């Protein structure tokens, strides 16, 4: 499902371009899930400072920090012998307080391909069958780490609501990530319904068109992990693709 979705054509509305003003960006991203900053000509330090204006910086341990700006990590295909893989996910969900906002700054863009895609999780929840929404009320699922090296004592897993209420908008959204990092879905009555994980994830990608950002040099895009899944499309990349990612620590998810 995720691979097919990556290549679907979409009539989703364009990602909104907003001024680089903290509260304007916050309002737009919380409501729409994602925004592109309009007219910025920033250095990476400017991007890091803006992300900090949105809240406490957060870094995923095990990622590669950017020299001189340790709150940013480097996302790149440079030096790789195999094509990167990306599936729709929410960032760093295996900790008690996952990131609210994430942002990417385009330091190097390929000649072709490498877009980033966004799937609306407000819509994913709102298009569930009413009986399924009732079933998921109070349900939780275990999020676990994959793909990074951690030290003993580091956070490796956290249980979060399957349906999350956004503190800024009051709306409810599915709160999932790639199924490889999800297990032990429990209903409010304690019944294990892990059999629902893949179907819910598939629905989260199939319930409506997604938004796509094709990168230009210096572009900045910011999204809300609490109501959006995202993925990179590496299928047709020609050339180097290097982005810098910043994150803002969020609250404990609540239903």
C-alpha atoms as a PDB file:
ATOM      1  CA  UNK A   1       0.000   0.000   0.000  1.00  0.00           C
ATOM      2  CA  UNK A   2       2.714   2.509   0.961  1.00  0.00           C
ATOM      3  CA  UNK A   3       4.719   1.845  -2.208  1.00  0.00           C
ATOM      4  CA  UNK A   4       1.624   2.240  -4.388  1.00  0.00           C
ATOM      5  CA  UNK A   5       0.642   5.445  -2.603  1.00  0.00           C
ATOM      6  CA  UNK A   6       4.082   6.921  -3.237  1.00  0.00           C
ATOM      7  CA  UNK A   7       3.364   7.023  -6.954  1.00  0.00           C
ATOM      8  CA  UNK A   8      -0.305   7.995  -6.970  1.00  0.00           C
ATOM      9  CA  UNK A   9      -1.266  11.154  -8.791  1.00  0.00           C
ATOM     10  CA  UNK A  10      -2.969  13.621  -6.494  1.00  0.00           C
ATOM     11  CA  UNK A  11      -5.373  16.504  -6.654  1.00  0.00           C
ATOM     12  CA  UNK A  12      -4.563  17.564  -3.100  1.00  0.00           C
ATOM     13  CA  UNK A  13      -4.364  21.301  -2.498  1.00  0.00           C
ATOM     14  CA  UNK A  14      -0.912  22.811  -2.750  1.00  0.00           C
ATOM     15  CA  UNK A  15       1.145  23.140   0.406  1.00  0.00           C
ATOM     16  CA  UNK A  16       0.479  26.631   1.762  1.00  0.00           C
ATOM     17  CA  UNK A  17       3.293  29.185   1.523  1.00  0.00           C
ATOM     18  CA  UNK A  18       3.357  31.277   4.710  1.00  0.00           C
ATOM     19  CA  UNK A  19       5.575  34.098   5.987  1.00  0.00           C
ATOM     20  CA  UNK A  20       8.403  33.074   8.288  1.00  0.00           C
ATOM     21  CA  UNK A  21       6.567  34.308  11.377  1.00  0.00           C
ATOM     22  CA  UNK A  22       6.437  31.886  14.280  1.00  0.00           C
ATOM     23  CA  UNK A  23       2.754  32.142  15.152  1.00  0.00           C
ATOM     24  CA  UNK A  24       1.599  32.224  11.523  1.00  0.00           C
ATOM     25  CA  UNK A  25       3.568  29.065  10.824  1.00  0.00           C
ATOM     26  CA  UNK A  26       2.309  27.405  14.001  1.00  0.00           C
ATOM     27  CA  UNK A  27      -1.343  28.148  13.164  1.00  0.00           C
ATOM     28  CA  UNK A  28      -1.055  26.958   9.573  1.00  0.00           C
ATOM     29  CA  UNK A  29       0.846  23.777  10.361  1.00  0.00           C
ATOM     30  CA  UNK A  30      -1.455  22.795  13.216  1.00  0.00           C
ATOM     31  CA  UNK A  31      -4.528  23.304  11.019  1.00  0.00           C
ATOM     32  CA  UNK A  32      -3.241  22.011   7.666  1.00  0.00           C
ATOM     33  CA  UNK A  33      -0.474  19.619   8.738  1.00  0.00           C
ATOM     34  CA  UNK A  34       2.299  21.166   6.637  1.00  0.00           C
ATOM     35  CA  UNK A  35       3.519  24.538   5.346  1.00  0.00           C
ATOM     36  CA  UNK A  36       6.262  25.933   3.142  1.00  0.00           C
ATOM     37  CA  UNK A  37       8.023  29.069   4.325  1.00  0.00           C
ATOM     38  CA  UNK A  38       7.656  31.849   1.802  1.00  0.00           C
ATOM     39  CA  UNK A  39      10.555  33.880   0.476  1.00  0.00           C
ATOM     40  CA  UNK A  40      13.257  32.735   2.893  1.00  0.00           C
ATOM     41  CA  UNK A  41      16.941  32.952   1.938  1.00  0.00           C
ATOM     42  CA  UNK A  42      18.326  31.375   5.084  1.00  0.00           C
ATOM     43  CA  UNK A  43      21.530  29.793   6.174  1.00  0.00           C
ATOM     44  CA  UNK A  44      21.205  26.580   8.208  1.00  0.00           C
ATOM     45  CA  UNK A  45      21.707  28.586  11.424  1.00  0.00           C
ATOM     46  CA  UNK A  46      18.654  30.698  10.573  1.00  0.00           C
ATOM     47  CA  UNK A  47      16.603  27.542  10.081  1.00  0.00           C
ATOM     48  CA  UNK A  48      17.776  26.139  13.434  1.00  0.00           C
ATOM     49  CA  UNK A  49      16.877  29.398  15.175  1.00  0.00           C
ATOM     50  CA  UNK A  50      13.405  29.435  13.639  1.00  0.00           C
ATOM     51  CA  UNK A  51      12.719  25.848  14.701  1.00  0.00           C
ATOM     52  CA  UNK A  52      13.738  26.816  18.239  1.00  0.00           C
ATOM     53  CA  UNK A  53      11.233  29.679  18.125  1.00  0.00           C
ATOM     54  CA  UNK A  54       8.521  27.022  17.796  1.00  0.00           C
ATOM     55  CA  UNK A  55       9.603  25.228  20.974  1.00  0.00           C
ATOM     56  CA  UNK A  56      12.284  23.185  22.715  1.00  0.00           C
ATOM     57  CA  UNK A  57      14.685  21.600  20.211  1.00  0.00           C
ATOM     58  CA  UNK A  58      14.782  17.813  20.069  1.00  0.00           C
ATOM     59  CA  UNK A  59      17.331  15.493  18.461  1.00  0.00           C
ATOM     60  CA  UNK A  60      16.961  11.808  17.576  1.00  0.00           C
ATOM     61  CA  UNK A  61      19.885   9.993  19.155  1.00  0.00           C
ATOM     62  CA  UNK A  62      21.731   7.869  16.618  1.00  0.00           C
ATOM     63  CA  UNK A  63      21.227  10.306  13.739  1.00  0.00           C
ATOM     64  CA  UNK A  64      24.114  12.313  12.233  1.00  0.00           C
ATOM     65  CA  UNK A  65      24.293  15.874  13.624  1.00  0.00           C
ATOM     66  CA  UNK A  66      25.225  18.805  11.434  1.00  0.00           C
ATOM     67  CA  UNK A  67      28.673  20.201  12.262  1.00  0.00           C
ATOM     68  CA  UNK A  68      28.296  23.330  14.366  1.00  0.00           C
ATOM     69  CA  UNK A  69      24.498  22.985  14.674  1.00  0.00           C
ATOM     70  CA  UNK A  70      23.935  19.918  16.851  1.00  0.00           C
ATOM     71  CA  UNK A  71      20.143  20.358  17.011  1.00  0.00           C
ATOM     72  CA  UNK A  72      19.959  19.549  13.277  1.00  0.00           C
ATOM     73  CA  UNK A  73      20.564  16.146  11.722  1.00  0.00           C
ATOM     74  CA  UNK A  74      21.698  15.418   8.177  1.00  0.00           C
ATOM     75  CA  UNK A  75      19.450  13.471   5.788  1.00  0.00           C
ATOM     76  CA  UNK A  76      21.402  12.616   2.634  1.00  0.00           C
ATOM     77  CA  UNK A  77      21.932  10.096  -0.125  1.00  0.00           C
ATOM     78  CA  UNK A  78      25.554  11.213  -0.626  1.00  0.00           C
ATOM     79  CA  UNK A  79      28.055   8.380  -0.233  1.00  0.00           C
ATOM     80  CA  UNK A  80      25.418   5.665  -0.162  1.00  0.00           C
ATOM     81  CA  UNK A  81      25.914   2.514  -2.211  1.00  0.00           C
ATOM     82  CA  UNK A  82      22.230   1.578  -2.061  1.00  0.00           C
ATOM     83  CA  UNK A  83      19.145   3.693  -2.676  1.00  0.00           C
ATOM     84  CA  UNK A  84      17.622   5.073   0.564  1.00  0.00           C
ATOM     85  CA  UNK A  85      14.253   3.708   1.594  1.00  0.00           C
ATOM     86  CA  UNK A  86      11.416   5.696   3.097  1.00  0.00           C
ATOM     87  CA  UNK A  87       7.894   4.733   4.107  1.00  0.00           C
ATOM     88  CA  UNK A  88       5.194   6.934   5.539  1.00  0.00           C
ATOM     89  CA  UNK A  89       5.880   7.579   9.201  1.00  0.00           C
ATOM     90  CA  UNK A  90       5.764  10.060  12.052  1.00  0.00           C
ATOM     91  CA  UNK A  91       9.108  11.097  13.531  1.00  0.00           C
ATOM     92  CA  UNK A  92      10.591   9.488  16.653  1.00  0.00           C
ATOM     93  CA  UNK A  93       7.344   8.163  18.106  1.00  0.00           C
ATOM     94  CA  UNK A  94       9.052   5.671  20.457  1.00  0.00           C
ATOM     95  CA  UNK A  95       9.683   8.289  23.172  1.00  0.00           C
ATOM     96  CA  UNK A  96       7.271   9.565  25.829  1.00  0.00           C
ATOM     97  CA  UNK A  97       7.198  13.075  24.303  1.00  0.00           C
ATOM     98  CA  UNK A  98       7.531  12.712  20.537  1.00  0.00           C
ATOM     99  CA  UNK A  99       8.215  15.740  18.352  1.00  0.00           C
ATOM    100  CA  UNK A 100       5.325  18.058  17.639  1.00  0.00           C
ATOM    101  CA  UNK A 101       6.887  19.872  14.692  1.00  0.00           C
ATOM    102  CA  UNK A 102       9.580  18.740  12.278  1.00  0.00           C
ATOM    103  CA  UNK A 103      11.173  20.807   9.539  1.00  0.00           C
ATOM    104  CA  UNK A 104      13.517  20.270   6.613  1.00  0.00           C
ATOM    105  CA  UNK A 105      15.959  22.709   4.997  1.00  0.00           C
ATOM    106  CA  UNK A 106      17.181  21.874   1.489  1.00  0.00           C
ATOM    107  CA  UNK A 107      20.977  22.151   1.415  1.00  0.00           C
ATOM    108  CA  UNK A 108      21.485  20.199  -1.808  1.00  0.00           C
ATOM    109  CA  UNK A 109      18.785  19.181  -4.284  1.00  0.00           C
ATOM    110  CA  UNK A 110      18.941  16.509  -6.977  1.00  0.00           C
ATOM    111  CA  UNK A 111      18.495  17.127 -10.676  1.00  0.00           C
ATOM    112  CA  UNK A 112      15.390  14.942 -10.555  1.00  0.00           C
ATOM    113  CA  UNK A 113      13.088  13.403  -7.948  1.00  0.00           C
ATOM    114  CA  UNK A 114      13.383  13.272  -4.176  1.00  0.00           C
ATOM    115  CA  UNK A 115      10.065  14.915  -3.281  1.00  0.00           C
ATOM    116  CA  UNK A 116       8.608  14.653   0.219  1.00  0.00           C
ATOM    117  CA  UNK A 117       4.977  13.525   0.585  1.00  0.00           C
ATOM    118  CA  UNK A 118       2.477  14.229   3.373  1.00  0.00           C
ATOM    119  CA  UNK A 119      -0.669  12.299   4.346  1.00  0.00           C
ATOM    120  CA  UNK A 120      -3.433  14.003   6.343  1.00  0.00           C
ATOM    121  CA  UNK A 121      -4.206  12.092   9.552  1.00  0.00           C
ATOM    122  CA  UNK A 122      -7.114  14.314  10.568  1.00  0.00           C
ATOM    123  CA  UNK A 123      -8.809  13.065   7.418  1.00  0.00           C
ATOM    124  CA  UNK A 124      -7.655   9.506   8.140  1.00  0.00           C
ATOM    125  CA  UNK A 125      -9.556   9.549  11.436  1.00  0.00           C
ATOM    126  CA  UNK A 126     -12.587  11.407  10.131  1.00  0.00           C
ATOM    127  CA  UNK A 127     -13.073   8.950   7.239  1.00  0.00           C
ATOM    128  CA  UNK A 128     -13.036   5.848   9.442  1.00  0.00           C
ATOM    129  CA  UNK A 129     -16.294   3.986   9.759  1.00  0.00           C
ATOM    130  CA  UNK A 130     -18.167   5.295  12.837  1.00  0.00           C
ATOM    131  CA  UNK A 131     -18.061   1.828  14.417  1.00  0.00           C
ATOM    132  CA  UNK A 132     -14.278   1.769  14.005  1.00  0.00           C
ATOM    133  CA  UNK A 133     -13.957   5.217  15.562  1.00  0.00           C
ATOM    134  CA  UNK A 134     -15.962   3.971  18.541  1.00  0.00           C
ATOM    135  CA  UNK A 135     -13.816   0.828  18.777  1.00  0.00           C
ATOM    136  CA  UNK A 136     -10.598   2.865  18.813  1.00  0.00           C
ATOM    137  CA  UNK A 137     -11.772   5.270  21.513  1.00  0.00           C
ATOM    138  CA  UNK A 138      -9.247   4.780  24.318  1.00  0.00           C
ATOM    139  CA  UNK A 139      -7.118   2.300  22.342  1.00  0.00           C
ATOM    140  CA  UNK A 140      -3.328   2.424  22.592  1.00  0.00           C
ATOM    141  CA  UNK A 141      -0.452   0.950  20.599  1.00  0.00           C
ATOM    142  CA  UNK A 142       3.211   0.320  21.405  1.00  0.00           C
ATOM    143  CA  UNK A 143       5.757   2.309  19.359  1.00  0.00           C
ATOM    144  CA  UNK A 144       9.295   0.840  19.253  1.00  0.00           C
ATOM    145  CA  UNK A 145      12.623   2.070  17.914  1.00  0.00           C
ATOM    146  CA  UNK A 146      14.207   0.695  14.751  1.00  0.00           C
ATOM    147  CA  UNK A 147      17.182   1.731  12.665  1.00  0.00           C
ATOM    148  CA  UNK A 148      19.304   3.725  15.153  1.00  0.00           C
ATOM    149  CA  UNK A 149      21.967   2.703  17.663  1.00  0.00           C
ATOM    150  CA  UNK A 150      21.108   3.616  21.255  1.00  0.00           C
ATOM    151  CA  UNK A 151      22.844   3.342  24.617  1.00  0.00           C
ATOM    152  CA  UNK A 152      21.543   1.391  27.603  1.00  0.00           C
ATOM    153  CA  UNK A 153      18.931   3.476  29.383  1.00  0.00           C
ATOM    154  CA  UNK A 154      17.846   5.388  26.267  1.00  0.00           C
ATOM    155  CA  UNK A 155      14.134   5.454  25.478  1.00  0.00           C
ATOM    156  CA  UNK A 156      13.254   2.601  23.140  1.00  0.00           C
ATOM    157  CA  UNK A 157       9.481   2.273  23.288  1.00  0.00           C
ATOM    158  CA  UNK A 158       6.382   4.146  24.378  1.00  0.00           C
ATOM    159  CA  UNK A 159       2.666   3.416  24.403  1.00  0.00           C
ATOM    160  CA  UNK A 160       0.527   6.115  22.796  1.00  0.00           C
ATOM    161  CA  UNK A 161      -3.155   6.565  21.898  1.00  0.00           C
ATOM    162  CA  UNK A 162      -4.150   5.261  18.480  1.00  0.00           C
ATOM    163  CA  UNK A 163      -6.368   8.328  18.139  1.00  0.00           C
ATOM    164  CA  UNK A 164      -4.774  11.533  19.335  1.00  0.00           C
ATOM    165  CA  UNK A 165      -6.471  14.830  20.140  1.00  0.00           C
ATOM    166  CA  UNK A 166      -4.453  17.775  18.857  1.00  0.00           C
ATOM    167  CA  UNK A 167      -3.896  20.282  21.685  1.00  0.00           C
ATOM    168  CA  UNK A 168      -3.870  23.241  19.312  1.00  0.00           C
ATOM    169  CA  UNK A 169      -6.957  22.516  17.226  1.00  0.00           C
ATOM    170  CA  UNK A 170      -8.949  20.125  19.397  1.00  0.00           C
ATOM    171  CA  UNK A 171      -9.376  17.819  16.380  1.00  0.00           C
ATOM    172  CA  UNK A 172      -8.690  14.101  16.524  1.00  0.00           C
ATOM    173  CA  UNK A 173      -6.261  12.300  14.234  1.00  0.00           C
ATOM    174  CA  UNK A 174      -4.941   8.797  13.753  1.00  0.00           C
ATOM    175  CA  UNK A 175      -1.519   8.650  15.395  1.00  0.00           C
ATOM    176  CA  UNK A 176       0.484   5.876  13.773  1.00  0.00           C
ATOM    177  CA  UNK A 177       3.840   5.291  12.155  1.00  0.00           C
ATOM    178  CA  UNK A 178       5.203   2.541   9.914  1.00  0.00           C
ATOM    179  CA  UNK A 179       3.799  -0.836  11.088  1.00  0.00           C
ATOM    180  CA  UNK A 180       7.338  -2.181  11.544  1.00  0.00           C
ATOM    181  CA  UNK A 181       7.519   0.063  14.623  1.00  0.00           C
ATOM    182  CA  UNK A 182       4.044  -0.746  15.969  1.00  0.00           C
ATOM    183  CA  UNK A 183       2.797  -3.679  18.046  1.00  0.00           C
ATOM    184  CA  UNK A 184       0.426  -4.688  20.832  1.00  0.00           C
ATOM    185  CA  UNK A 185      -2.594  -2.559  19.932  1.00  0.00           C
ATOM    186  CA  UNK A 186      -4.929  -2.720  22.915  1.00  0.00           C
ATOM    187  CA  UNK A 187      -8.518  -1.543  23.073  1.00  0.00           C
ATOM    188  CA  UNK A 188      -9.804   0.387  26.059  1.00  0.00           C
ATOM    189  CA  UNK A 189     -11.089  -2.884  27.577  1.00  0.00           C
ATOM    190  CA  UNK A 190      -7.634  -4.481  27.319  1.00  0.00           C
ATOM    191  CA  UNK A 191      -8.407  -6.691  24.322  1.00  0.00           C
ATOM    192  CA  UNK A 192      -5.460  -7.153  21.953  1.00  0.00           C
ATOM    193  CA  UNK A 193      -6.362  -6.062  18.426  1.00  0.00           C
ATOM    194  CA  UNK A 194      -2.914  -5.943  16.844  1.00  0.00           C
ATOM    195  CA  UNK A 195      -4.591  -7.371  13.746  1.00  0.00           C
ATOM    196  CA  UNK A 196      -5.896  -3.847  13.082  1.00  0.00           C
ATOM    197  CA  UNK A 197      -2.475  -2.189  12.756  1.00  0.00           C
ATOM    198  CA  UNK A 198      -1.845  -2.839   9.063  1.00  0.00           C
ATOM    199  CA  UNK A 199      -5.415  -2.063   8.034  1.00  0.00           C
ATOM    200  CA  UNK A 200      -5.402   1.243   9.922  1.00  0.00           C
ATOM    201  CA  UNK A 201      -2.054   2.199   8.413  1.00  0.00           C
ATOM    202  CA  UNK A 202      -3.286   1.327   4.919  1.00  0.00           C
ATOM    203  CA  UNK A 203      -6.401   3.430   5.507  1.00  0.00           C
ATOM    204  CA  UNK A 204      -4.260   6.338   6.701  1.00  0.00           C
ATOM    205  CA  UNK A 205      -2.624   6.464   3.255  1.00  0.00           C
ATOM    206  CA  UNK A 206      -5.629   5.598   1.105  1.00  0.00           C
ATOM    207  CA  UNK A 207      -8.292   7.858   2.591  1.00  0.00           C
ATOM    208  CA  UNK A 208      -7.477  10.892   0.469  1.00  0.00           C
ATOM    209  CA  UNK A 209      -4.882  12.627  -1.705  1.00  0.00           C
ATOM    210  CA  UNK A 210      -1.564  13.578  -0.192  1.00  0.00           C
ATOM    211  CA  UNK A 211       0.548  16.660  -0.642  1.00  0.00           C
ATOM    212  CA  UNK A 212       3.919  16.644  -2.367  1.00  0.00           C
ATOM    213  CA  UNK A 213       6.813  19.078  -2.063  1.00  0.00           C
ATOM    214  CA  UNK A 214       9.419  19.105  -4.827  1.00  0.00           C
ATOM    215  CA  UNK A 215      12.545  20.626  -3.358  1.00  0.00           C
ATOM    216  CA  UNK A 216      14.349  23.752  -4.486  1.00  0.00           C
ATOM    217  CA  UNK A 217      17.635  24.886  -3.007  1.00  0.00           C
ATOM    218  CA  UNK A 218      17.083  26.627   0.342  1.00  0.00           C
ATOM    219  CA  UNK A 219      13.442  25.551   0.664  1.00  0.00           C
ATOM    220  CA  UNK A 220      12.071  25.143   4.190  1.00  0.00           C
ATOM    221  CA  UNK A 221       9.051  22.942   4.902  1.00  0.00           C
ATOM    222  CA  UNK A 222       7.595  22.397   8.385  1.00  0.00           C
ATOM    223  CA  UNK A 223       4.973  19.829   9.373  1.00  0.00           C
ATOM    224  CA  UNK A 224       3.048  18.646  12.417  1.00  0.00           C
ATOM    225  CA  UNK A 225       3.758  15.027  13.379  1.00  0.00           C
ATOM    226  CA  UNK A 226       0.582  14.943  15.463  1.00  0.00           C
ATOM    227  CA  UNK A 227      -1.674  15.025  12.410  1.00  0.00           C
ATOM    228  CA  UNK A 228       0.558  14.118   9.447  1.00  0.00           C
ATOM    229  CA  UNK A 229       2.536  11.174   8.110  1.00  0.00           C
ATOM    230  CA  UNK A 230       5.383  11.863   5.702  1.00  0.00           C
ATOM    231  CA  UNK A 231       7.756   9.997   3.398  1.00  0.00           C
ATOM    232  CA  UNK A 232      10.496  10.738   0.891  1.00  0.00           C
ATOM    233  CA  UNK A 233      10.083   9.482  -2.665  1.00  0.00           C
ATOM    234  CA  UNK A 234      13.483   8.068  -3.577  1.00  0.00           C
ATOM    235  CA  UNK A 235      12.237   6.115  -6.594  1.00  0.00           C
ATOM    236  CA  UNK A 236      13.547   8.382  -9.365  1.00  0.00           C
ATOM    237  CA  UNK A 237      16.256  10.486  -7.732  1.00  0.00           C
ATOM    238  CA  UNK A 238      19.088  11.669  -9.980  1.00  0.00           C
ATOM    239  CA  UNK A 239      21.835  13.548  -8.135  1.00  0.00           C
ATOM    240  CA  UNK A 240      22.691  14.457  -4.570  1.00  0.00           C
ATOM    241  CA  UNK A 241      19.905  15.089  -2.057  1.00  0.00           C
ATOM    242  CA  UNK A 242      20.908  16.597   1.295  1.00  0.00           C
ATOM    243  CA  UNK A 243      18.423  18.029   3.775  1.00  0.00           C
ATOM    244  CA  UNK A 244      18.848  19.233   7.344  1.00  0.00           C
ATOM    245  CA  UNK A 245      16.116  18.254   9.797  1.00  0.00           C
ATOM    246  CA  UNK A 246      15.100  20.086  12.960  1.00  0.00           C
ATOM    247  CA  UNK A 247      12.489  18.946  15.485  1.00  0.00           C
ATOM    248  CA  UNK A 248      10.545  20.466  18.373  1.00  0.00           C
ATOM    249  CA  UNK A 249       9.772  18.404  21.450  1.00  0.00           C
ATOM    250  CA  UNK A 250       6.047  17.834  21.893  1.00  0.00           C
ATOM    251  CA  UNK A 251       3.746  16.967  24.750  1.00  0.00           C
ATOM    252  CA  UNK A 252       2.744  13.508  26.005  1.00  0.00           C
ATOM    253  CA  UNK A 253       0.101  12.392  23.490  1.00  0.00           C
ATOM    254  CA  UNK A 254      -3.467  12.416  24.803  1.00  0.00           C
ATOM    255  CA  UNK A 255      -6.671  11.025  23.398  1.00  0.00           C
END
